[in-house]
Structure formats: C-alpha cells, structure tokens
Amino acid sequence: METIAITTEFIRLQDAMKLGSLTSTGGAAKCLIQDGQVLVNGETCLQRGKKLRPGDIIAFQGRQYQISYAS
C-alpha cells in the first residue's frame, strides 16, 4: 500500500488523486470518480469533493493508497 501524505486536517478526493500522482489533472480525476472507478474505504465513491482524513484508503486500478499525515 502506498501513502499520500497531507499536512492539513483533510484533503478532497480529487486533490488527493492529483497529489498522489494517480492522475495528472483534476479533470481526469473528476471523470474517473464520476465513472465509479475509485473506491474509498472499500466503497465506490462518486463524490469528487469527498473529504479524506488520515487512515482513509483510496483504491484505484488495483492499487491502494492510504492518507496519512506528513512527518
């Protein structure tokens, strides 16, 4: 499992996808989320603005990414 480190209380799903280099643009992230290709904590998430906090897990294209605080 890979880690996406944040320095704030939360990050929105599409921003986390850009930060973690899952997509190159916010528009690409938006399309993938709305197409149902992204799971958050094991469930399909269609909300690109969903707030993710440390401990949340994004699953995309067979890989998992955990949100954590930057050390």
PDB file of N, CA and C in Angstrom:
ATOM      1  N   MET A   1       0.850  -1.178   0.000  1.00  0.00           N
ATOM      2  CA  MET A   1       0.000   0.000   0.000  1.00  0.00           C
ATOM      3  C   MET A   1       0.899   1.245   0.000  1.00  0.00           C
ATOM      4  N   GLU A   2       0.546   2.178  -0.855  1.00  0.00           N
ATOM      5  CA  GLU A   2       1.297   3.423  -0.939  1.00  0.00           C
ATOM      6  C   GLU A   2       0.650   4.474  -0.039  1.00  0.00           C
ATOM      7  N   THR A   3       1.394   5.527   0.260  1.00  0.00           N
ATOM      8  CA  THR A   3       0.927   6.571   1.159  1.00  0.00           C
ATOM      9  C   THR A   3       0.825   7.904   0.431  1.00  0.00           C
ATOM     10  N   ILE A   4      -0.240   8.639   0.724  1.00  0.00           N
ATOM     11  CA  ILE A   4      -0.385  10.015   0.264  1.00  0.00           C
ATOM     12  C   ILE A   4      -0.342  10.871   1.522  1.00  0.00           C
ATOM     13  N   ALA A   5       0.715  11.636   1.679  1.00  0.00           N
ATOM     14  CA  ALA A   5       0.923  12.426   2.896  1.00  0.00           C
ATOM     15  C   ALA A   5       0.319  13.817   2.754  1.00  0.00           C
ATOM     16  N   ILE A   6      -0.417  14.234   3.791  1.00  0.00           N
ATOM     17  CA  ILE A   6      -1.021  15.564   3.796  1.00  0.00           C
ATOM     18  C   ILE A   6      -0.539  16.339   5.026  1.00  0.00           C
ATOM     19  N   THR A   7      -0.660  17.640   4.948  1.00  0.00           N
ATOM     20  CA  THR A   7      -0.253  18.490   6.069  1.00  0.00           C
ATOM     21  C   THR A   7      -1.442  19.245   6.661  1.00  0.00           C
ATOM     22  N   THR A   8      -2.637  18.960   6.157  1.00  0.00           N
ATOM     23  CA  THR A   8      -3.855  19.616   6.616  1.00  0.00           C
ATOM     24  C   THR A   8      -4.766  18.593   7.277  1.00  0.00           C
ATOM     25  N   GLU A   9      -5.867  19.056   7.854  1.00  0.00           N
ATOM     26  CA  GLU A   9      -6.802  18.161   8.539  1.00  0.00           C
ATOM     27  C   GLU A   9      -7.428  17.150   7.584  1.00  0.00           C
ATOM     28  N   PHE A  10      -7.714  17.584   6.359  1.00  0.00           N
ATOM     29  CA  PHE A  10      -8.325  16.701   5.362  1.00  0.00           C
ATOM     30  C   PHE A  10      -7.878  17.126   3.974  1.00  0.00           C
ATOM     31  N   ILE A  11      -8.187  16.279   2.990  1.00  0.00           N
ATOM     32  CA  ILE A  11      -7.948  16.594   1.587  1.00  0.00           C
ATOM     33  C   ILE A  11      -9.126  16.052   0.791  1.00  0.00           C
ATOM     34  N   ARG A  12      -9.516  16.759  -0.227  1.00  0.00           N
ATOM     35  CA  ARG A  12     -10.629  16.289  -1.064  1.00  0.00           C
ATOM     36  C   ARG A  12     -10.118  15.190  -2.003  1.00  0.00           C
ATOM     37  N   LEU A  13     -11.015  14.269  -2.325  1.00  0.00           N
ATOM     38  CA  LEU A  13     -10.649  13.088  -3.099  1.00  0.00           C
ATOM     39  C   LEU A  13      -9.917  13.439  -4.391  1.00  0.00           C
ATOM     40  N   GLN A  14     -10.462  14.344  -5.187  1.00  0.00           N
ATOM     41  CA  GLN A  14      -9.807  14.635  -6.469  1.00  0.00           C
ATOM     42  C   GLN A  14      -8.437  15.270  -6.245  1.00  0.00           C
ATOM     43  N   ASP A  15      -8.278  16.050  -5.180  1.00  0.00           N
ATOM     44  CA  ASP A  15      -6.980  16.654  -4.878  1.00  0.00           C
ATOM     45  C   ASP A  15      -5.988  15.592  -4.408  1.00  0.00           C
ATOM     46  N   ALA A  16      -6.475  14.607  -3.658  1.00  0.00           N
ATOM     47  CA  ALA A  16      -5.606  13.515  -3.215  1.00  0.00           C
ATOM     48  C   ALA A  16      -5.116  12.699  -4.404  1.00  0.00           C
ATOM     49  N   MET A  17      -5.994  12.513  -5.394  1.00  0.00           N
ATOM     50  CA  MET A  17      -5.595  11.762  -6.582  1.00  0.00           C
ATOM     51  C   MET A  17      -4.513  12.496  -7.355  1.00  0.00           C
ATOM     52  N   LYS A  18      -4.611  13.822  -7.431  1.00  0.00           N
ATOM     53  CA  LYS A  18      -3.566  14.609  -8.096  1.00  0.00           C
ATOM     54  C   LYS A  18      -2.277  14.582  -7.278  1.00  0.00           C
ATOM     55  N   LEU A  19      -2.382  14.797  -5.965  1.00  0.00           N
ATOM     56  CA  LEU A  19      -1.209  14.823  -5.093  1.00  0.00           C
ATOM     57  C   LEU A  19      -0.452  13.503  -5.135  1.00  0.00           C
ATOM     58  N   GLY A  20      -1.186  12.403  -5.158  1.00  0.00           N
ATOM     59  CA  GLY A  20      -0.569  11.083  -5.178  1.00  0.00           C
ATOM     60  C   GLY A  20      -0.169  10.616  -6.567  1.00  0.00           C
ATOM     61  N   SER A  21      -0.322  11.480  -7.559  1.00  0.00           N
ATOM     62  CA  SER A  21       0.017  11.181  -8.956  1.00  0.00           C
ATOM     63  C   SER A  21      -0.787  10.007  -9.525  1.00  0.00           C
ATOM     64  N   LEU A  22      -2.023   9.835  -9.030  1.00  0.00           N
ATOM     65  CA  LEU A  22      -2.905   8.823  -9.605  1.00  0.00           C
ATOM     66  C   LEU A  22      -3.433   9.316 -10.946  1.00  0.00           C
ATOM     67  N   THR A  23      -3.570  10.649 -11.090  1.00  0.00           N
ATOM     68  CA  THR A  23      -3.965  11.284 -12.342  1.00  0.00           C
ATOM     69  C   THR A  23      -3.091  12.523 -12.532  1.00  0.00           C
ATOM     70  N   SER A  24      -3.036  12.998 -13.745  1.00  0.00           N
ATOM     71  CA  SER A  24      -2.204  14.174 -14.000  1.00  0.00           C
ATOM     72  C   SER A  24      -2.980  15.479 -13.855  1.00  0.00           C
ATOM     73  N   THR A  25      -4.311  15.406 -13.964  1.00  0.00           N
ATOM     74  CA  THR A  25      -5.116  16.625 -13.863  1.00  0.00           C
ATOM     75  C   THR A  25      -6.352  16.399 -13.007  1.00  0.00           C
ATOM     76  N   GLY A  26      -6.908  17.499 -12.529  1.00  0.00           N
ATOM     77  CA  GLY A  26      -8.150  17.416 -11.769  1.00  0.00           C
ATOM     78  C   GLY A  26      -9.317  16.968 -12.634  1.00  0.00           C
ATOM     79  N   GLY A  27      -9.289  17.358 -13.902  1.00  0.00           N
ATOM     80  CA  GLY A  27     -10.355  16.938 -14.818  1.00  0.00           C
ATOM     81  C   GLY A  27     -10.372  15.439 -15.022  1.00  0.00           C
ATOM     82  N   ALA A  28      -9.192  14.847 -15.118  1.00  0.00           N
ATOM     83  CA  ALA A  28      -9.098  13.387 -15.264  1.00  0.00           C
ATOM     84  C   ALA A  28      -9.612  12.708 -14.002  1.00  0.00           C
ATOM     85  N   ALA A  29      -9.249  13.250 -12.841  1.00  0.00           N
ATOM     86  CA  ALA A  29      -9.716  12.679 -11.567  1.00  0.00           C
ATOM     87  C   ALA A  29     -11.239  12.750 -11.492  1.00  0.00           C
ATOM     88  N   LYS A  30     -11.797  13.891 -11.885  1.00  0.00           N
ATOM     89  CA  LYS A  30     -13.248  14.075 -11.865  1.00  0.00           C
ATOM     90  C   LYS A  30     -13.945  13.001 -12.700  1.00  0.00           C
ATOM     91  N   CYS A  31     -13.460  12.765 -13.899  1.00  0.00           N
ATOM     92  CA  CYS A  31     -14.070  11.766 -14.783  1.00  0.00           C
ATOM     93  C   CYS A  31     -13.982  10.366 -14.200  1.00  0.00           C
ATOM     94  N   LEU A  32     -12.833  10.011 -13.667  1.00  0.00           N
ATOM     95  CA  LEU A  32     -12.647   8.669 -13.092  1.00  0.00           C
ATOM     96  C   LEU A  32     -13.552   8.457 -11.880  1.00  0.00           C
ATOM     97  N   ILE A  33     -13.672   9.480 -11.056  1.00  0.00           N
ATOM     98  CA  ILE A  33     -14.534   9.381  -9.867  1.00  0.00           C
ATOM     99  C   ILE A  33     -15.990   9.242 -10.292  1.00  0.00           C
ATOM    100  N   GLN A  34     -16.433  10.094 -11.205  1.00  0.00           N
ATOM    101  CA  GLN A  34     -17.828  10.056 -11.645  1.00  0.00           C
ATOM    102  C   GLN A  34     -18.163   8.789 -12.413  1.00  0.00           C
ATOM    103  N   ASP A  35     -17.167   8.139 -12.999  1.00  0.00           N
ATOM    104  CA  ASP A  35     -17.383   6.865 -13.691  1.00  0.00           C
ATOM    105  C   ASP A  35     -17.409   5.683 -12.734  1.00  0.00           C
ATOM    106  N   GLY A  36     -17.204   5.928 -11.438  1.00  0.00           N
ATOM    107  CA  GLY A  36     -17.263   4.866 -10.443  1.00  0.00           C
ATOM    108  C   GLY A  36     -16.011   4.004 -10.391  1.00  0.00           C
ATOM    109  N   GLN A  37     -14.879   4.533 -10.842  1.00  0.00           N
ATOM    110  CA  GLN A  37     -13.648   3.750 -10.890  1.00  0.00           C
ATOM    111  C   GLN A  37     -12.794   3.880  -9.628  1.00  0.00           C
ATOM    112  N   VAL A  38     -13.269   4.654  -8.645  1.00  0.00           N
ATOM    113  CA  VAL A  38     -12.484   4.909  -7.439  1.00  0.00           C
ATOM    114  C   VAL A  38     -13.257   4.426  -6.210  1.00  0.00           C
ATOM    115  N   LEU A  39     -12.570   3.684  -5.354  1.00  0.00           N
ATOM    116  CA  LEU A  39     -13.158   3.237  -4.092  1.00  0.00           C
ATOM    117  C   LEU A  39     -12.530   4.014  -2.952  1.00  0.00           C
ATOM    118  N   VAL A  40     -13.339   4.357  -1.971  1.00  0.00           N
ATOM    119  CA  VAL A  40     -12.838   4.972  -0.741  1.00  0.00           C
ATOM    120  C   VAL A  40     -13.303   4.075   0.406  1.00  0.00           C
ATOM    121  N   ASN A  41     -12.345   3.575   1.152  1.00  0.00           N
ATOM    122  CA  ASN A  41     -12.629   2.666   2.270  1.00  0.00           C
ATOM    123  C   ASN A  41     -13.507   1.486   1.836  1.00  0.00           C
ATOM    124  N   GLY A  42     -13.227   0.967   0.641  1.00  0.00           N
ATOM    125  CA  GLY A  42     -13.899  -0.230   0.162  1.00  0.00           C
ATOM    126  C   GLY A  42     -15.223  -0.008  -0.544  1.00  0.00           C
ATOM    127  N   GLU A  43     -15.665   1.229  -0.660  1.00  0.00           N
ATOM    128  CA  GLU A  43     -16.944   1.516  -1.305  1.00  0.00           C
ATOM    129  C   GLU A  43     -16.744   2.484  -2.467  1.00  0.00           C
ATOM    130  N   THR A  44     -17.500   2.263  -3.548  1.00  0.00           N
ATOM    131  CA  THR A  44     -17.433   3.172  -4.690  1.00  0.00           C
ATOM    132  C   THR A  44     -17.825   4.564  -4.238  1.00  0.00           C
ATOM    133  N   CYS A  45     -17.026   5.539  -4.626  1.00  0.00           N
ATOM    134  CA  CYS A  45     -17.293   6.933  -4.256  1.00  0.00           C
ATOM    135  C   CYS A  45     -17.471   7.756  -5.522  1.00  0.00           C
ATOM    136  N   LEU A  46     -18.599   8.439  -5.621  1.00  0.00           N
ATOM    137  CA  LEU A  46     -18.883   9.275  -6.787  1.00  0.00           C
ATOM    138  C   LEU A  46     -18.752  10.759  -6.466  1.00  0.00           C
ATOM    139  N   GLN A  47     -18.307  11.085  -5.258  1.00  0.00           N
ATOM    140  CA  GLN A  47     -18.174  12.481  -4.818  1.00  0.00           C
ATOM    141  C   GLN A  47     -16.724  12.915  -4.936  1.00  0.00           C
ATOM    142  N   ARG A  48     -16.415  13.734  -5.918  1.00  0.00           N
ATOM    143  CA  ARG A  48     -15.020  14.141  -6.086  1.00  0.00           C
ATOM    144  C   ARG A  48     -14.548  15.049  -4.965  1.00  0.00           C
ATOM    145  N   GLY A  49     -15.484  15.705  -4.278  1.00  0.00           N
ATOM    146  CA  GLY A  49     -15.131  16.590  -3.174  1.00  0.00           C
ATOM    147  C   GLY A  49     -15.165  15.914  -1.812  1.00  0.00           C
ATOM    148  N   LYS A  50     -15.275  14.589  -1.797  1.00  0.00           N
ATOM    149  CA  LYS A  50     -15.323  13.872  -0.515  1.00  0.00           C
ATOM    150  C   LYS A  50     -14.076  14.184   0.294  1.00  0.00           C
ATOM    151  N   LYS A  51     -14.285  14.511   1.568  1.00  0.00           N
ATOM    152  CA  LYS A  51     -13.163  14.832   2.445  1.00  0.00           C
ATOM    153  C   LYS A  51     -12.530  13.547   2.958  1.00  0.00           C
ATOM    154  N   LEU A  52     -11.226  13.430   2.741  1.00  0.00           N
ATOM    155  CA  LEU A  52     -10.475  12.278   3.224  1.00  0.00           C
ATOM    156  C   LEU A  52      -9.579  12.724   4.364  1.00  0.00           C
ATOM    157  N   ARG A  53      -9.483  11.879   5.369  1.00  0.00           N
ATOM    158  CA  ARG A  53      -8.646  12.165   6.527  1.00  0.00           C
ATOM    159  C   ARG A  53      -7.644  11.027   6.709  1.00  0.00           C
ATOM    160  N   PRO A  54      -6.591  11.262   7.485  1.00  0.00           N
ATOM    161  CA  PRO A  54      -5.615  10.188   7.717  1.00  0.00           C
ATOM    162  C   PRO A  54      -6.300   8.891   8.140  1.00  0.00           C
ATOM    163  N   GLY A  55      -5.868   7.801   7.524  1.00  0.00           N
ATOM    164  CA  GLY A  55      -6.464   6.484   7.772  1.00  0.00           C
ATOM    165  C   GLY A  55      -7.386   6.040   6.652  1.00  0.00           C
ATOM    166  N   ASP A  56      -7.921   6.995   5.886  1.00  0.00           N
ATOM    167  CA  ASP A  56      -8.784   6.637   4.762  1.00  0.00           C
ATOM    168  C   ASP A  56      -7.946   6.004   3.655  1.00  0.00           C
ATOM    169  N   ILE A  57      -8.574   5.094   2.911  1.00  0.00           N
ATOM    170  CA  ILE A  57      -7.874   4.358   1.863  1.00  0.00           C
ATOM    171  C   ILE A  57      -8.586   4.543   0.524  1.00  0.00           C
ATOM    172  N   ILE A  58      -7.810   4.926  -0.488  1.00  0.00           N
ATOM    173  CA  ILE A  58      -8.308   5.050  -1.861  1.00  0.00           C
ATOM    174  C   ILE A  58      -7.843   3.806  -2.617  1.00  0.00           C
ATOM    175  N   ALA A  59      -8.745   3.182  -3.358  1.00  0.00           N
ATOM    176  CA  ALA A  59      -8.379   2.065  -4.232  1.00  0.00           C
ATOM    177  C   ALA A  59      -8.676   2.493  -5.662  1.00  0.00           C
ATOM    178  N   PHE A  60      -7.666   2.310  -6.531  1.00  0.00           N
ATOM    179  CA  PHE A  60      -7.799   2.740  -7.922  1.00  0.00           C
ATOM    180  C   PHE A  60      -6.869   1.910  -8.780  1.00  0.00           C
ATOM    181  N   GLN A  61      -7.403   1.312  -9.836  1.00  0.00           N
ATOM    182  CA  GLN A  61      -6.648   0.497 -10.785  1.00  0.00           C
ATOM    183  C   GLN A  61      -5.828  -0.592 -10.088  1.00  0.00           C
ATOM    184  N   GLY A  62      -6.453  -1.261  -9.135  1.00  0.00           N
ATOM    185  CA  GLY A  62      -5.816  -2.399  -8.464  1.00  0.00           C
ATOM    186  C   GLY A  62      -4.780  -2.031  -7.415  1.00  0.00           C
ATOM    187  N   ARG A  63      -4.625  -0.748  -7.120  1.00  0.00           N
ATOM    188  CA  ARG A  63      -3.647  -0.321  -6.119  1.00  0.00           C
ATOM    189  C   ARG A  63      -4.374   0.416  -4.998  1.00  0.00           C
ATOM    190  N   GLN A  64      -3.751   0.414  -3.822  1.00  0.00           N
ATOM    191  CA  GLN A  64      -4.337   1.091  -2.677  1.00  0.00           C
ATOM    192  C   GLN A  64      -3.396   2.185  -2.171  1.00  0.00           C
ATOM    193  N   TYR A  65      -4.004   3.276  -1.737  1.00  0.00           N
ATOM    194  CA  TYR A  65      -3.267   4.431  -1.255  1.00  0.00           C
ATOM    195  C   TYR A  65      -3.894   4.880   0.064  1.00  0.00           C
ATOM    196  N   GLN A  66      -3.096   4.995   1.098  1.00  0.00           N
ATOM    197  CA  GLN A  66      -3.607   5.419   2.402  1.00  0.00           C
ATOM    198  C   GLN A  66      -3.240   6.871   2.655  1.00  0.00           C
ATOM    199  N   ILE A  67      -4.218   7.632   3.150  1.00  0.00           N
ATOM    200  CA  ILE A  67      -3.980   9.018   3.509  1.00  0.00           C
ATOM    201  C   ILE A  67      -3.326   9.029   4.897  1.00  0.00           C
ATOM    202  N   SER A  68      -2.250   9.809   5.025  1.00  0.00           N
ATOM    203  CA  SER A  68      -1.578   9.930   6.326  1.00  0.00           C
ATOM    204  C   SER A  68      -1.022  11.340   6.472  1.00  0.00           C
ATOM    205  N   TYR A  69      -0.716  11.695   7.717  1.00  0.00           N
ATOM    206  CA  TYR A  69      -0.088  12.988   7.966  1.00  0.00           C
ATOM    207  C   TYR A  69       1.369  12.915   7.561  1.00  0.00           C
ATOM    208  N   ALA A  70       1.869  13.994   6.968  1.00  0.00           N
ATOM    209  CA  ALA A  70       3.287  14.066   6.631  1.00  0.00           C
ATOM    210  C   ALA A  70       4.089  14.161   7.933  1.00  0.00           C
ATOM    211  N   SER A  71       5.228  13.482   7.961  1.00  0.00           N
ATOM    212  CA  SER A  71       6.022  13.533   9.187  1.00  0.00           C
ATOM    213  C   SER A  71       7.102  14.581   9.114  1.00  0.00           C
TER     214      SER A  71
END
